[in-house]
């Protein structure tokens, strides 16, 4: 199983739970796809796009469930990042965990697969 990760605000995730699906952040909607990261990319994504932000969650998703709507496309430094074209059904979510800041101001990730 390949697990991919979405970092978003807790309020965005609460809205997804109310709606029954996650349609992405404002940046995702502007870009036309939901940005995800691999376990190896997640910390750098947080440091680049979410520095100092509180009230974030880490959403874990089994990539195999997303089918052909998931594309692996080059981004930072040519690395392939997972991009979901369409909404994320909540049924495909494995875990939702808080992503707090540590004492140095970096996001403290749980163990990632």
PDB file of N, CA and C in Angstrom:
ATOM      1  N   UNK A   1       0.845  -1.188   0.000  1.00  0.00           N
ATOM      2  CA  UNK A   1       0.000   0.000   0.000  1.00  0.00           C
ATOM      3  C   UNK A   1       0.883   1.243   0.000  1.00  0.00           C
ATOM      4  N   UNK A   2       0.554   2.182  -0.867  1.00  0.00           N
ATOM      5  CA  UNK A   2       1.224   3.473  -0.903  1.00  0.00           C
ATOM      6  C   UNK A   2       0.317   4.493  -0.237  1.00  0.00           C
ATOM      7  N   UNK A   3       0.796   5.066   0.854  1.00  0.00           N
ATOM      8  CA  UNK A   3       0.037   6.091   1.558  1.00  0.00           C
ATOM      9  C   UNK A   3       0.534   7.448   1.103  1.00  0.00           C
ATOM     10  N   UNK A   4      -0.411   8.338   0.784  1.00  0.00           N
ATOM     11  CA  UNK A   4      -0.082   9.725   0.452  1.00  0.00           C
ATOM     12  C   UNK A   4      -0.749  10.619   1.485  1.00  0.00           C
ATOM     13  N   UNK A   5      -0.270  11.857   1.571  1.00  0.00           N
ATOM     14  CA  UNK A   5      -0.664  12.741   2.668  1.00  0.00           C
ATOM     15  C   UNK A   5      -1.103  14.110   2.155  1.00  0.00           C
ATOM     16  N   UNK A   6      -2.177  14.609   2.770  1.00  0.00           N
ATOM     17  CA  UNK A   6      -2.657  15.959   2.505  1.00  0.00           C
ATOM     18  C   UNK A   6      -2.556  16.751   3.801  1.00  0.00           C
ATOM     19  N   UNK A   7      -1.951  17.915   3.742  1.00  0.00           N
ATOM     20  CA  UNK A   7      -1.913  18.837   4.870  1.00  0.00           C
ATOM     21  C   UNK A   7      -2.961  19.905   4.600  1.00  0.00           C
ATOM     22  N   UNK A   8      -3.841  20.115   5.565  1.00  0.00           N
ATOM     23  CA  UNK A   8      -4.852  21.161   5.408  1.00  0.00           C
ATOM     24  C   UNK A   8      -5.232  21.692   6.784  1.00  0.00           C
ATOM     25  N   UNK A   9      -5.990  22.753   6.789  1.00  0.00           N
ATOM     26  CA  UNK A   9      -6.430  23.305   8.066  1.00  0.00           C
ATOM     27  C   UNK A   9      -7.530  22.424   8.644  1.00  0.00           C
ATOM     28  N   UNK A  10      -7.639  22.448   9.949  1.00  0.00           N
ATOM     29  CA  UNK A  10      -8.694  21.678  10.613  1.00  0.00           C
ATOM     30  C   UNK A  10     -10.067  22.162  10.167  1.00  0.00           C
ATOM     31  N   UNK A  11     -10.225  23.463   9.925  1.00  0.00           N
ATOM     32  CA  UNK A  11     -11.524  23.977   9.485  1.00  0.00           C
ATOM     33  C   UNK A  11     -11.860  23.481   8.080  1.00  0.00           C
ATOM     34  N   UNK A  12     -10.874  23.404   7.187  1.00  0.00           N
ATOM     35  CA  UNK A  12     -11.125  22.839   5.862  1.00  0.00           C
ATOM     36  C   UNK A  12     -11.585  21.386   5.986  1.00  0.00           C
ATOM     37  N   UNK A  13     -10.943  20.647   6.897  1.00  0.00           N
ATOM     38  CA  UNK A  13     -11.312  19.248   7.044  1.00  0.00           C
ATOM     39  C   UNK A  13     -12.704  19.100   7.667  1.00  0.00           C
ATOM     40  N   UNK A  14     -13.035  19.945   8.619  1.00  0.00           N
ATOM     41  CA  UNK A  14     -14.393  19.906   9.199  1.00  0.00           C
ATOM     42  C   UNK A  14     -15.443  20.170   8.119  1.00  0.00           C
ATOM     43  N   UNK A  15     -15.155  21.089   7.212  1.00  0.00           N
ATOM     44  CA  UNK A  15     -16.067  21.377   6.103  1.00  0.00           C
ATOM     45  C   UNK A  15     -16.197  20.149   5.197  1.00  0.00           C
ATOM     46  N   UNK A  16     -15.108  19.459   4.956  1.00  0.00           N
ATOM     47  CA  UNK A  16     -15.164  18.235   4.147  1.00  0.00           C
ATOM     48  C   UNK A  16     -16.042  17.188   4.816  1.00  0.00           C
ATOM     49  N   UNK A  17     -15.922  17.068   6.122  1.00  0.00           N
ATOM     50  CA  UNK A  17     -16.754  16.107   6.848  1.00  0.00           C
ATOM     51  C   UNK A  17     -18.231  16.477   6.747  1.00  0.00           C
ATOM     52  N   UNK A  18     -18.538  17.765   6.824  1.00  0.00           N
ATOM     53  CA  UNK A  18     -19.934  18.208   6.674  1.00  0.00           C
ATOM     54  C   UNK A  18     -20.448  17.925   5.251  1.00  0.00           C
ATOM     55  N   UNK A  19     -19.583  18.151   4.264  1.00  0.00           N
ATOM     56  CA  UNK A  19     -19.975  17.996   2.860  1.00  0.00           C
ATOM     57  C   UNK A  19     -19.953  16.542   2.398  1.00  0.00           C
ATOM     58  N   UNK A  20     -19.190  15.701   3.095  1.00  0.00           N
ATOM     59  CA  UNK A  20     -19.079  14.303   2.700  1.00  0.00           C
ATOM     60  C   UNK A  20     -17.948  14.010   1.738  1.00  0.00           C
ATOM     61  N   UNK A  21     -17.176  15.043   1.357  1.00  0.00           N
ATOM     62  CA  UNK A  21     -16.020  14.872   0.468  1.00  0.00           C
ATOM     63  C   UNK A  21     -15.124  16.098   0.602  1.00  0.00           C
ATOM     64  N   UNK A  22     -13.847  15.914   0.294  1.00  0.00           N
ATOM     65  CA  UNK A  22     -12.892  17.016   0.343  1.00  0.00           C
ATOM     66  C   UNK A  22     -12.653  17.508  -1.080  1.00  0.00           C
ATOM     67  N   UNK A  23     -12.920  18.784  -1.306  1.00  0.00           N
ATOM     68  CA  UNK A  23     -12.741  19.365  -2.640  1.00  0.00           C
ATOM     69  C   UNK A  23     -11.430  20.126  -2.776  1.00  0.00           C
ATOM     70  N   UNK A  24     -10.657  20.189  -1.703  1.00  0.00           N
ATOM     71  CA  UNK A  24      -9.357  20.838  -1.756  1.00  0.00           C
ATOM     72  C   UNK A  24      -9.358  22.224  -1.144  1.00  0.00           C
ATOM     73  N   UNK A  25      -8.155  22.722  -0.955  1.00  0.00           N
ATOM     74  CA  UNK A  25      -7.958  24.079  -0.434  1.00  0.00           C
ATOM     75  C   UNK A  25      -8.170  25.078  -1.567  1.00  0.00           C
ATOM     76  N   UNK A  26      -8.098  26.347  -1.242  1.00  0.00           N
ATOM     77  CA  UNK A  26      -8.207  27.380  -2.280  1.00  0.00           C
ATOM     78  C   UNK A  26      -7.104  27.209  -3.323  1.00  0.00           C
ATOM     79  N   UNK A  27      -5.901  26.869  -2.891  1.00  0.00           N
ATOM     80  CA  UNK A  27      -4.784  26.643  -3.829  1.00  0.00           C
ATOM     81  C   UNK A  27      -5.073  25.435  -4.711  1.00  0.00           C
ATOM     82  N   UNK A  28      -5.585  24.357  -4.110  1.00  0.00           N
ATOM     83  CA  UNK A  28      -5.927  23.167  -4.894  1.00  0.00           C
ATOM     84  C   UNK A  28      -6.960  23.508  -5.975  1.00  0.00           C
ATOM     85  N   UNK A  29      -8.004  24.200  -5.569  1.00  0.00           N
ATOM     86  CA  UNK A  29      -9.058  24.539  -6.526  1.00  0.00           C
ATOM     87  C   UNK A  29      -8.521  25.448  -7.639  1.00  0.00           C
ATOM     88  N   UNK A  30      -7.640  26.371  -7.279  1.00  0.00           N
ATOM     89  CA  UNK A  30      -7.026  27.250  -8.294  1.00  0.00           C
ATOM     90  C   UNK A  30      -6.191  26.429  -9.286  1.00  0.00           C
ATOM     91  N   UNK A  31      -5.456  25.436  -8.765  1.00  0.00           N
ATOM     92  CA  UNK A  31      -4.575  24.634  -9.614  1.00  0.00           C
ATOM     93  C   UNK A  31      -5.307  23.525 -10.376  1.00  0.00           C
ATOM     94  N   UNK A  32      -6.530  23.195  -9.953  1.00  0.00           N
ATOM     95  CA  UNK A  32      -7.310  22.193 -10.660  1.00  0.00           C
ATOM     96  C   UNK A  32      -7.107  20.770 -10.182  1.00  0.00           C
ATOM     97  N   UNK A  33      -6.406  20.603  -9.076  1.00  0.00           N
ATOM     98  CA  UNK A  33      -6.187  19.280  -8.498  1.00  0.00           C
ATOM     99  C   UNK A  33      -5.843  19.428  -7.026  1.00  0.00           C
ATOM    100  N   UNK A  34      -5.997  18.332  -6.272  1.00  0.00           N
ATOM    101  CA  UNK A  34      -5.637  18.338  -4.852  1.00  0.00           C
ATOM    102  C   UNK A  34      -4.189  17.903  -4.727  1.00  0.00           C
ATOM    103  N   UNK A  35      -3.380  18.750  -4.103  1.00  0.00           N
ATOM    104  CA  UNK A  35      -1.963  18.472  -3.877  1.00  0.00           C
ATOM    105  C   UNK A  35      -1.798  17.480  -2.724  1.00  0.00           C
ATOM    106  N   UNK A  36      -1.041  16.437  -2.953  1.00  0.00           N
ATOM    107  CA  UNK A  36      -0.657  15.486  -1.910  1.00  0.00           C
ATOM    108  C   UNK A  36       0.859  15.408  -1.868  1.00  0.00           C
ATOM    109  N   UNK A  37       1.376  14.769  -0.829  1.00  0.00           N
ATOM    110  CA  UNK A  37       2.808  14.510  -0.693  1.00  0.00           C
ATOM    111  C   UNK A  37       3.003  13.060  -0.289  1.00  0.00           C
ATOM    112  N   UNK A  38       4.186  12.527  -0.588  1.00  0.00           N
ATOM    113  CA  UNK A  38       4.563  11.218  -0.087  1.00  0.00           C
ATOM    114  C   UNK A  38       5.109  11.397   1.331  1.00  0.00           C
ATOM    115  N   UNK A  39       5.395  10.292   2.003  1.00  0.00           N
ATOM    116  CA  UNK A  39       5.986  10.355   3.343  1.00  0.00           C
ATOM    117  C   UNK A  39       7.308  11.124   3.304  1.00  0.00           C
ATOM    118  N   UNK A  40       8.076  10.920   2.253  1.00  0.00           N
ATOM    119  CA  UNK A  40       9.379  11.589   2.131  1.00  0.00           C
ATOM    120  C   UNK A  40       9.241  13.080   1.844  1.00  0.00           C
ATOM    121  N   UNK A  41       8.133  13.511   1.264  1.00  0.00           N
ATOM    122  CA  UNK A  41       7.944  14.901   0.852  1.00  0.00           C
ATOM    123  C   UNK A  41       7.169  15.745   1.861  1.00  0.00           C
ATOM    124  N   UNK A  42       6.459  15.110   2.775  1.00  0.00           N
ATOM    125  CA  UNK A  42       5.500  15.822   3.628  1.00  0.00           C
ATOM    126  C   UNK A  42       6.140  16.912   4.490  1.00  0.00           C
ATOM    127  N   UNK A  43       7.268  16.626   5.135  1.00  0.00           N
ATOM    128  CA  UNK A  43       7.889  17.631   6.005  1.00  0.00           C
ATOM    129  C   UNK A  43       8.342  18.849   5.203  1.00  0.00           C
ATOM    130  N   UNK A  44       8.909  18.625   4.027  1.00  0.00           N
ATOM    131  CA  UNK A  44       9.338  19.747   3.189  1.00  0.00           C
ATOM    132  C   UNK A  44       8.132  20.550   2.699  1.00  0.00           C
ATOM    133  N   UNK A  45       7.036  19.870   2.399  1.00  0.00           N
ATOM    134  CA  UNK A  45       5.811  20.561   2.000  1.00  0.00           C
ATOM    135  C   UNK A  45       5.321  21.463   3.131  1.00  0.00           C
ATOM    136  N   UNK A  46       5.308  20.930   4.348  1.00  0.00           N
ATOM    137  CA  UNK A  46       4.879  21.727   5.502  1.00  0.00           C
ATOM    138  C   UNK A  46       5.785  22.936   5.693  1.00  0.00           C
ATOM    139  N   UNK A  47       7.100  22.727   5.577  1.00  0.00           N
ATOM    140  CA  UNK A  47       8.054  23.814   5.777  1.00  0.00           C
ATOM    141  C   UNK A  47       7.933  24.888   4.694  1.00  0.00           C
ATOM    142  N   UNK A  48       7.602  24.492   3.484  1.00  0.00           N
ATOM    143  CA  UNK A  48       7.520  25.447   2.375  1.00  0.00           C
ATOM    144  C   UNK A  48       6.181  26.187   2.324  1.00  0.00           C
ATOM    145  N   UNK A  49       5.091  25.473   2.573  1.00  0.00           N
ATOM    146  CA  UNK A  49       3.774  26.059   2.346  1.00  0.00           C
ATOM    147  C   UNK A  49       2.959  26.352   3.608  1.00  0.00           C
ATOM    148  N   UNK A  50       3.392  25.822   4.761  1.00  0.00           N
ATOM    149  CA  UNK A  50       2.589  25.961   5.978  1.00  0.00           C
ATOM    150  C   UNK A  50       3.410  26.438   7.174  1.00  0.00           C
ATOM    151  N   UNK A  51       4.542  27.065   6.923  1.00  0.00           N
ATOM    152  CA  UNK A  51       5.445  27.459   7.996  1.00  0.00           C
ATOM    153  C   UNK A  51       4.711  28.265   9.072  1.00  0.00           C
ATOM    154  N   UNK A  52       4.862  27.823  10.322  1.00  0.00           N
ATOM    155  CA  UNK A  52       4.300  28.524  11.464  1.00  0.00           C
ATOM    156  C   UNK A  52       2.803  28.407  11.645  1.00  0.00           C
ATOM    157  N   UNK A  53       2.108  27.720  10.762  1.00  0.00           N
ATOM    158  CA  UNK A  53       0.649  27.637  10.856  1.00  0.00           C
ATOM    159  C   UNK A  53       0.218  26.627  11.917  1.00  0.00           C
ATOM    160  N   UNK A  54      -0.724  27.059  12.729  1.00  0.00           N
ATOM    161  CA  UNK A  54      -1.331  26.211  13.749  1.00  0.00           C
ATOM    162  C   UNK A  54      -2.607  25.599  13.178  1.00  0.00           C
ATOM    163  N   UNK A  55      -3.188  24.686  13.908  1.00  0.00           N
ATOM    164  CA  UNK A  55      -4.504  24.130  13.583  1.00  0.00           C
ATOM    165  C   UNK A  55      -4.524  23.404  12.242  1.00  0.00           C
ATOM    166  N   UNK A  56      -3.445  22.652  11.960  1.00  0.00           N
ATOM    167  CA  UNK A  56      -3.390  21.853  10.749  1.00  0.00           C
ATOM    168  C   UNK A  56      -3.652  20.391  11.082  1.00  0.00           C
ATOM    169  N   UNK A  57      -4.109  19.657  10.072  1.00  0.00           N
ATOM    170  CA  UNK A  57      -4.259  18.215  10.197  1.00  0.00           C
ATOM    171  C   UNK A  57      -3.519  17.546   9.049  1.00  0.00           C
ATOM    172  N   UNK A  58      -3.138  16.305   9.293  1.00  0.00           N
ATOM    173  CA  UNK A  58      -2.490  15.467   8.291  1.00  0.00           C
ATOM    174  C   UNK A  58      -3.473  14.358   7.938  1.00  0.00           C
ATOM    175  N   UNK A  59      -3.872  14.328   6.675  1.00  0.00           N
ATOM    176  CA  UNK A  59      -4.842  13.349   6.191  1.00  0.00           C
ATOM    177  C   UNK A  59      -4.070  12.278   5.428  1.00  0.00           C
ATOM    178  N   UNK A  60      -4.215  11.027   5.853  1.00  0.00           N
ATOM    179  CA  UNK A  60      -3.541   9.895   5.213  1.00  0.00           C
ATOM    180  C   UNK A  60      -4.524   9.161   4.320  1.00  0.00           C
ATOM    181  N   UNK A  61      -4.093   8.858   3.095  1.00  0.00           N
ATOM    182  CA  UNK A  61      -4.967   8.248   2.094  1.00  0.00           C
ATOM    183  C   UNK A  61      -4.228   7.109   1.402  1.00  0.00           C
ATOM    184  N   UNK A  62      -4.926   6.002   1.162  1.00  0.00           N
ATOM    185  CA  UNK A  62      -4.373   4.897   0.382  1.00  0.00           C
ATOM    186  C   UNK A  62      -4.465   5.276  -1.093  1.00  0.00           C
ATOM    187  N   UNK A  63      -3.316   5.493  -1.730  1.00  0.00           N
ATOM    188  CA  UNK A  63      -3.277   5.960  -3.115  1.00  0.00           C
ATOM    189  C   UNK A  63      -3.964   4.988  -4.074  1.00  0.00           C
ATOM    190  N   UNK A  64      -3.928   3.700  -3.772  1.00  0.00           N
ATOM    191  CA  UNK A  64      -4.506   2.698  -4.680  1.00  0.00           C
ATOM    192  C   UNK A  64      -6.001   2.900  -4.880  1.00  0.00           C
ATOM    193  N   UNK A  65      -6.687   3.470  -3.904  1.00  0.00           N
ATOM    194  CA  UNK A  65      -8.135   3.673  -4.011  1.00  0.00           C
ATOM    195  C   UNK A  65      -8.517   4.805  -4.965  1.00  0.00           C
ATOM    196  N   UNK A  66      -7.565   5.637  -5.358  1.00  0.00           N
ATOM    197  CA  UNK A  66      -7.890   6.839  -6.122  1.00  0.00           C
ATOM    198  C   UNK A  66      -7.915   6.604  -7.630  1.00  0.00           C
ATOM    199  N   UNK A  67      -7.418   5.465  -8.067  1.00  0.00           N
ATOM    200  CA  UNK A  67      -7.497   5.093  -9.478  1.00  0.00           C
ATOM    201  C   UNK A  67      -6.789   6.059 -10.405  1.00  0.00           C
ATOM    202  N   UNK A  68      -7.340   6.184 -11.600  1.00  0.00           N
ATOM    203  CA  UNK A  68      -6.717   6.986 -12.655  1.00  0.00           C
ATOM    204  C   UNK A  68      -6.804   8.483 -12.414  1.00  0.00           C
ATOM    205  N   UNK A  69      -7.598   8.889 -11.421  1.00  0.00           N
ATOM    206  CA  UNK A  69      -7.684  10.328 -11.114  1.00  0.00           C
ATOM    207  C   UNK A  69      -6.414  10.820 -10.416  1.00  0.00           C
ATOM    208  N   UNK A  70      -5.586   9.887  -9.897  1.00  0.00           N
ATOM    209  CA  UNK A  70      -4.327  10.253  -9.236  1.00  0.00           C
ATOM    210  C   UNK A  70      -3.213  10.231 -10.264  1.00  0.00           C
ATOM    211  N   UNK A  71      -2.553  11.355 -10.419  1.00  0.00           N
ATOM    212  CA  UNK A  71      -1.444  11.493 -11.368  1.00  0.00           C
ATOM    213  C   UNK A  71      -0.180  11.849 -10.591  1.00  0.00           C
ATOM    214  N   UNK A  72       0.928  11.255 -10.986  1.00  0.00           N
ATOM    215  CA  UNK A  72       2.225  11.566 -10.380  1.00  0.00           C
ATOM    216  C   UNK A  72       2.928  12.518 -11.334  1.00  0.00           C
ATOM    217  N   UNK A  73       3.078  13.778 -10.894  1.00  0.00           N
ATOM    218  CA  UNK A  73       3.577  14.812 -11.782  1.00  0.00           C
ATOM    219  C   UNK A  73       4.772  15.535 -11.164  1.00  0.00           C
ATOM    220  N   UNK A  74       5.710  15.989 -12.018  1.00  0.00           N
ATOM    221  CA  UNK A  74       6.889  16.688 -11.500  1.00  0.00           C
ATOM    222  C   UNK A  74       6.532  18.020 -10.860  1.00  0.00           C
ATOM    223  N   UNK A  75       7.208  18.324  -9.761  1.00  0.00           N
ATOM    224  CA  UNK A  75       7.041  19.595  -9.067  1.00  0.00           C
ATOM    225  C   UNK A  75       8.404  20.010  -8.549  1.00  0.00           C
ATOM    226  N   UNK A  76       8.498  20.333  -7.232  1.00  0.00           N
ATOM    227  CA  UNK A  76       9.753  20.823  -6.653  1.00  0.00           C
ATOM    228  C   UNK A  76      10.949  19.986  -7.096  1.00  0.00           C
ATOM    229  N   UNK A  77      11.899  20.632  -7.759  1.00  0.00           N
ATOM    230  CA  UNK A  77      13.134  19.967  -8.140  1.00  0.00           C
ATOM    231  C   UNK A  77      12.945  18.779  -9.064  1.00  0.00           C
ATOM    232  N   UNK A  78      11.800  18.691  -9.738  1.00  0.00           N
ATOM    233  CA  UNK A  78      11.543  17.586 -10.650  1.00  0.00           C
ATOM    234  C   UNK A  78      10.999  16.337  -9.979  1.00  0.00           C
ATOM    235  N   UNK A  79      10.866  16.347  -8.655  1.00  0.00           N
ATOM    236  CA  UNK A  79      10.323  15.180  -7.948  1.00  0.00           C
ATOM    237  C   UNK A  79       8.866  14.975  -8.332  1.00  0.00           C
ATOM    238  N   UNK A  80       8.441  13.713  -8.391  1.00  0.00           N
ATOM    239  CA  UNK A  80       7.058  13.401  -8.711  1.00  0.00           C
ATOM    240  C   UNK A  80       6.194  13.517  -7.462  1.00  0.00           C
ATOM    241  N   UNK A  81       5.128  14.303  -7.577  1.00  0.00           N
ATOM    242  CA  UNK A  81       4.180  14.496  -6.482  1.00  0.00           C
ATOM    243  C   UNK A  81       2.829  13.934  -6.896  1.00  0.00           C
ATOM    244  N   UNK A  82       2.075  13.372  -5.945  1.00  0.00           N
ATOM    245  CA  UNK A  82       0.741  12.879  -6.254  1.00  0.00           C
ATOM    246  C   UNK A  82      -0.276  14.019  -6.289  1.00  0.00           C
ATOM    247  N   UNK A  83      -1.026  14.078  -7.388  1.00  0.00           N
ATOM    248  CA  UNK A  83      -2.060  15.093  -7.583  1.00  0.00           C
ATOM    249  C   UNK A  83      -3.365  14.381  -7.903  1.00  0.00           C
ATOM    250  N   UNK A  84      -4.411  14.696  -7.156  1.00  0.00           N
ATOM    251  CA  UNK A  84      -5.724  14.087  -7.373  1.00  0.00           C
ATOM    252  C   UNK A  84      -6.603  15.036  -8.162  1.00  0.00           C
ATOM    253  N   UNK A  85      -7.029  14.582  -9.329  1.00  0.00           N
ATOM    254  CA  UNK A  85      -7.934  15.351 -10.174  1.00  0.00           C
ATOM    255  C   UNK A  85      -9.357  14.912  -9.844  1.00  0.00           C
ATOM    256  N   UNK A  86     -10.018  15.683  -9.012  1.00  0.00           N
ATOM    257  CA  UNK A  86     -11.359  15.374  -8.546  1.00  0.00           C
ATOM    258  C   UNK A  86     -11.422  15.491  -7.038  1.00  0.00           C
ATOM    259  N   UNK A  87     -12.552  15.142  -6.492  1.00  0.00           N
ATOM    260  CA  UNK A  87     -12.730  15.233  -5.045  1.00  0.00           C
ATOM    261  C   UNK A  87     -12.218  13.976  -4.356  1.00  0.00           C
ATOM    262  N   UNK A  88     -11.930  14.125  -3.076  1.00  0.00           N
ATOM    263  CA  UNK A  88     -11.486  13.002  -2.257  1.00  0.00           C
ATOM    264  C   UNK A  88     -12.674  12.506  -1.440  1.00  0.00           C
ATOM    265  N   UNK A  89     -13.110  11.296  -1.710  1.00  0.00           N
ATOM    266  CA  UNK A  89     -14.182  10.682  -0.918  1.00  0.00           C
ATOM    267  C   UNK A  89     -13.635  10.352   0.467  1.00  0.00           C
ATOM    268  N   UNK A  90     -14.399  10.658   1.492  1.00  0.00           N
ATOM    269  CA  UNK A  90     -13.940  10.424   2.861  1.00  0.00           C
ATOM    270  C   UNK A  90     -13.710   8.947   3.138  1.00  0.00           C
ATOM    271  N   UNK A  91     -14.344   8.068   2.397  1.00  0.00           N
ATOM    272  CA  UNK A  91     -14.172   6.626   2.580  1.00  0.00           C
ATOM    273  C   UNK A  91     -12.734   6.186   2.309  1.00  0.00           C
ATOM    274  N   UNK A  92     -11.983   6.970   1.543  1.00  0.00           N
ATOM    275  CA  UNK A  92     -10.605   6.605   1.204  1.00  0.00           C
ATOM    276  C   UNK A  92      -9.583   7.095   2.220  1.00  0.00           C
ATOM    277  N   UNK A  93     -10.037   7.805   3.224  1.00  0.00           N
ATOM    278  CA  UNK A  93      -9.144   8.353   4.241  1.00  0.00           C
ATOM    279  C   UNK A  93      -8.821   7.271   5.278  1.00  0.00           C
ATOM    280  N   UNK A  94      -7.537   7.081   5.525  1.00  0.00           N
ATOM    281  CA  UNK A  94      -7.090   6.100   6.514  1.00  0.00           C
ATOM    282  C   UNK A  94      -7.051   6.693   7.917  1.00  0.00           C
ATOM    283  N   UNK A  95      -6.516   7.924   8.029  1.00  0.00           N
ATOM    284  CA  UNK A  95      -6.366   8.589   9.324  1.00  0.00           C
ATOM    285  C   UNK A  95      -6.383  10.097   9.128  1.00  0.00           C
ATOM    286  N   UNK A  96      -6.812  10.783  10.169  1.00  0.00           N
ATOM    287  CA  UNK A  96      -6.696  12.241  10.255  1.00  0.00           C
ATOM    288  C   UNK A  96      -6.026  12.511  11.592  1.00  0.00           C
ATOM    289  N   UNK A  97      -4.881  13.163  11.558  1.00  0.00           N
ATOM    290  CA  UNK A  97      -4.126  13.415  12.782  1.00  0.00           C
ATOM    291  C   UNK A  97      -3.758  14.888  12.876  1.00  0.00           C
ATOM    292  N   UNK A  98      -3.710  15.417  14.086  1.00  0.00           N
ATOM    293  CA  UNK A  98      -3.263  16.809  14.237  1.00  0.00           C
ATOM    294  C   UNK A  98      -1.805  16.939  13.812  1.00  0.00           C
ATOM    295  N   UNK A  99      -1.449  18.121  13.343  1.00  0.00           N
ATOM    296  CA  UNK A  99      -0.071  18.410  12.934  1.00  0.00           C
ATOM    297  C   UNK A  99       0.411  19.642  13.700  1.00  0.00           C
ATOM    298  N   UNK A 100       0.754  19.434  14.971  1.00  0.00           N
ATOM    299  CA  UNK A 100       1.145  20.565  15.825  1.00  0.00           C
ATOM    300  C   UNK A 100       2.553  21.068  15.513  1.00  0.00           C
ATOM    301  N   UNK A 101       2.855  22.232  16.041  1.00  0.00           N
ATOM    302  CA  UNK A 101       4.213  22.777  15.962  1.00  0.00           C
ATOM    303  C   UNK A 101       5.007  22.295  17.164  1.00  0.00           C
ATOM    304  N   UNK A 102       6.282  21.976  16.933  1.00  0.00           N
ATOM    305  CA  UNK A 102       7.143  21.608  18.055  1.00  0.00           C
ATOM    306  C   UNK A 102       7.745  22.874  18.672  1.00  0.00           C
ATOM    307  N   UNK A 103       8.610  22.719  19.653  1.00  0.00           N
ATOM    308  CA  UNK A 103       9.175  23.881  20.356  1.00  0.00           C
ATOM    309  C   UNK A 103      10.058  24.743  19.455  1.00  0.00           C
ATOM    310  N   UNK A 104      10.542  24.168  18.348  1.00  0.00           N
ATOM    311  CA  UNK A 104      11.359  24.927  17.396  1.00  0.00           C
ATOM    312  C   UNK A 104      10.509  25.582  16.306  1.00  0.00           C
ATOM    313  N   UNK A 105       9.179  25.377  16.366  1.00  0.00           N
ATOM    314  CA  UNK A 105       8.296  25.991  15.386  1.00  0.00           C
ATOM    315  C   UNK A 105       8.102  25.185  14.116  1.00  0.00           C
ATOM    316  N   UNK A 106       8.618  23.940  14.094  1.00  0.00           N
ATOM    317  CA  UNK A 106       8.413  23.056  12.954  1.00  0.00           C
ATOM    318  C   UNK A 106       7.233  22.137  13.231  1.00  0.00           C
ATOM    319  N   UNK A 107       6.598  21.653  12.191  1.00  0.00           N
ATOM    320  CA  UNK A 107       5.480  20.739  12.374  1.00  0.00           C
ATOM    321  C   UNK A 107       5.990  19.369  12.818  1.00  0.00           C
ATOM    322  N   UNK A 108       5.355  18.846  13.845  1.00  0.00           N
ATOM    323  CA  UNK A 108       5.727  17.561  14.446  1.00  0.00           C
ATOM    324  C   UNK A 108       4.877  16.464  13.815  1.00  0.00           C
ATOM    325  N   UNK A 109       5.477  15.697  12.926  1.00  0.00           N
ATOM    326  CA  UNK A 109       4.761  14.646  12.214  1.00  0.00           C
ATOM    327  C   UNK A 109       4.716  13.356  13.026  1.00  0.00           C
ATOM    328  N   UNK A 110       3.606  12.629  12.909  1.00  0.00           N
ATOM    329  CA  UNK A 110       3.568  11.279  13.453  1.00  0.00           C
ATOM    330  C   UNK A 110       4.427  10.381  12.548  1.00  0.00           C
ATOM    331  N   UNK A 111       4.697   9.147  12.947  1.00  0.00           N
ATOM    332  CA  UNK A 111       5.424   8.247  12.050  1.00  0.00           C
ATOM    333  C   UNK A 111       4.639   8.069  10.742  1.00  0.00           C
ATOM    334  N   UNK A 112       5.327   8.183   9.611  1.00  0.00           N
ATOM    335  CA  UNK A 112       4.684   8.059   8.302  1.00  0.00           C
ATOM    336  C   UNK A 112       5.143   6.779   7.621  1.00  0.00           C
ATOM    337  N   UNK A 113       4.244   6.195   6.839  1.00  0.00           N
ATOM    338  CA  UNK A 113       4.540   4.948   6.115  1.00  0.00           C
ATOM    339  C   UNK A 113       5.123   5.248   4.758  1.00  0.00           C
TER     340      UNK A 113
END
